[in-house]
């Protein structure tokens, strides 16, 4: 009984962890992309100051 209960309980948590991990990964990639784009914009802009 304990083993089945444990297995049933671990499967959803694993899926949750995978989902949140992929969400974090996507968010990180998007943030890095935005930072790189901003950096390129700043570098390509002629210096005004």
N, C-alpha and C. Protein backbone atom coordinates (compact mmCIF):
# COMPACT_ATOMS: atom_id res chain seq x y z
N UNK A 1 0.84 -1.21 0.00
CA UNK A 1 0.00 0.00 0.00
C UNK A 1 0.87 1.26 0.00
N UNK A 2 1.89 1.28 0.83
CA UNK A 2 2.75 2.46 0.93
C UNK A 2 3.48 2.73 -0.38
N UNK A 3 3.95 1.64 -1.03
CA UNK A 3 4.73 1.79 -2.27
C UNK A 3 3.85 2.43 -3.35
N UNK A 4 2.64 1.90 -3.54
CA UNK A 4 1.75 2.45 -4.57
C UNK A 4 1.44 3.91 -4.27
N UNK A 5 1.15 4.22 -3.00
CA UNK A 5 0.84 5.59 -2.62
C UNK A 5 2.03 6.50 -2.92
N UNK A 6 3.23 6.00 -2.59
CA UNK A 6 4.43 6.78 -2.86
C UNK A 6 4.62 7.03 -4.35
N UNK A 7 4.42 5.98 -5.16
CA UNK A 7 4.59 6.13 -6.61
C UNK A 7 3.57 7.13 -7.17
N UNK A 8 2.33 6.99 -6.73
CA UNK A 8 1.30 7.92 -7.23
C UNK A 8 1.63 9.35 -6.83
N UNK A 9 2.24 9.51 -5.65
CA UNK A 9 2.52 10.86 -5.19
C UNK A 9 3.74 11.44 -5.91
N UNK A 10 4.70 10.59 -6.29
CA UNK A 10 5.92 11.14 -6.90
C UNK A 10 5.71 11.53 -8.35
N UNK A 11 4.88 10.82 -9.08
CA UNK A 11 4.72 11.10 -10.51
C UNK A 11 4.24 12.54 -10.76
N UNK A 12 3.19 13.03 -10.09
CA UNK A 12 2.77 14.41 -10.34
C UNK A 12 3.86 15.43 -9.98
N UNK A 13 4.57 15.20 -8.88
CA UNK A 13 5.62 16.15 -8.49
C UNK A 13 6.71 16.20 -9.54
N UNK A 14 7.07 15.04 -10.09
CA UNK A 14 8.09 15.01 -11.14
C UNK A 14 7.62 15.83 -12.34
N UNK A 15 6.36 15.62 -12.76
CA UNK A 15 5.83 16.38 -13.89
C UNK A 15 5.83 17.88 -13.58
N UNK A 16 5.43 18.22 -12.37
CA UNK A 16 5.42 19.63 -11.96
C UNK A 16 6.81 20.22 -12.04
N UNK A 17 7.80 19.47 -11.54
CA UNK A 17 9.17 19.95 -11.57
C UNK A 17 9.64 20.14 -13.00
N UNK A 18 9.31 19.18 -13.87
CA UNK A 18 9.71 19.30 -15.28
C UNK A 18 9.05 20.51 -15.91
N UNK A 19 7.76 20.71 -15.62
CA UNK A 19 7.05 21.85 -16.21
C UNK A 19 7.65 23.16 -15.74
N UNK A 20 7.84 23.29 -14.42
CA UNK A 20 8.38 24.55 -13.90
C UNK A 20 9.80 24.76 -14.39
N UNK A 21 10.56 23.65 -14.55
CA UNK A 21 11.93 23.78 -15.05
C UNK A 21 11.94 24.30 -16.47
N UNK A 22 11.05 23.77 -17.33
CA UNK A 22 11.02 24.23 -18.72
C UNK A 22 10.52 25.68 -18.78
N UNK A 23 9.60 26.04 -17.90
CA UNK A 23 9.13 27.43 -17.86
C UNK A 23 10.27 28.36 -17.48
N UNK A 24 11.05 27.94 -16.46
CA UNK A 24 12.19 28.76 -16.03
C UNK A 24 13.20 28.87 -17.16
N UNK A 25 13.46 27.74 -17.84
CA UNK A 25 14.43 27.74 -18.94
C UNK A 25 13.99 28.70 -20.04
N UNK A 26 12.72 28.62 -20.44
CA UNK A 26 12.20 29.49 -21.49
C UNK A 26 12.31 30.96 -21.07
N UNK A 27 11.94 31.24 -19.82
CA UNK A 27 12.02 32.62 -19.32
C UNK A 27 13.45 33.12 -19.34
N UNK A 28 14.37 32.25 -18.95
CA UNK A 28 15.79 32.64 -18.94
C UNK A 28 16.27 32.94 -20.35
N UNK A 29 15.91 32.07 -21.30
CA UNK A 29 16.33 32.26 -22.70
C UNK A 29 15.77 33.57 -23.23
N UNK A 30 14.50 33.85 -22.96
CA UNK A 30 13.87 35.08 -23.44
C UNK A 30 14.59 36.29 -22.84
N UNK A 31 14.88 36.23 -21.54
CA UNK A 31 15.57 37.34 -20.88
C UNK A 31 16.93 37.58 -21.49
N UNK A 32 17.68 36.49 -21.70
CA UNK A 32 19.02 36.62 -22.29
C UNK A 32 18.92 37.21 -23.69
N UNK A 33 17.95 36.73 -24.47
CA UNK A 33 17.78 37.25 -25.83
C UNK A 33 17.50 38.75 -25.81
N UNK A 34 16.60 39.17 -24.90
CA UNK A 34 16.28 40.60 -24.80
C UNK A 34 17.50 41.41 -24.41
N UNK A 35 18.28 40.88 -23.45
CA UNK A 35 19.48 41.58 -23.01
C UNK A 35 20.46 41.73 -24.16
N UNK A 36 20.64 40.67 -24.95
CA UNK A 36 21.58 40.71 -26.08
C UNK A 36 21.08 41.72 -27.12
N UNK A 37 19.77 41.70 -27.39
CA UNK A 37 19.22 42.64 -28.38
C UNK A 37 19.42 44.08 -27.92
N UNK A 38 19.17 44.33 -26.63
CA UNK A 38 19.37 45.69 -26.10
C UNK A 38 20.83 46.09 -26.21
N UNK A 39 21.72 45.16 -25.90
CA UNK A 39 23.15 45.44 -25.98
C UNK A 39 23.54 45.78 -27.41
N UNK A 40 23.05 45.00 -28.36
CA UNK A 40 23.37 45.25 -29.77
C UNK A 40 22.82 46.60 -30.21
N UNK A 41 21.61 46.94 -29.76
CA UNK A 41 21.04 48.24 -30.10
C UNK A 41 21.92 49.36 -29.56
N UNK A 42 22.35 49.23 -28.33
CA UNK A 42 23.19 50.27 -27.72
C UNK A 42 24.51 50.38 -28.47
N UNK A 43 25.08 49.23 -28.84
CA UNK A 43 26.39 49.23 -29.51
C UNK A 43 26.27 49.80 -30.92
N UNK A 44 25.16 49.49 -31.61
CA UNK A 44 25.03 49.94 -33.00
C UNK A 44 24.62 51.41 -33.08
N UNK A 45 24.03 51.94 -31.99
CA UNK A 45 23.62 53.35 -31.99
C UNK A 45 24.85 54.25 -31.96
N UNK A 46 24.82 55.29 -32.76
CA UNK A 46 25.92 56.27 -32.68
C UNK A 46 25.88 56.97 -31.33
N UNK A 47 27.04 57.21 -30.77
CA UNK A 47 27.11 57.82 -29.43
C UNK A 47 26.59 59.27 -29.49
N UNK A 48 25.58 59.55 -28.64
CA UNK A 48 25.02 60.90 -28.61
C UNK A 48 25.72 61.75 -27.56
N UNK A 49 26.16 61.09 -26.48
CA UNK A 49 26.79 61.86 -25.39
C UNK A 49 28.28 61.98 -25.60
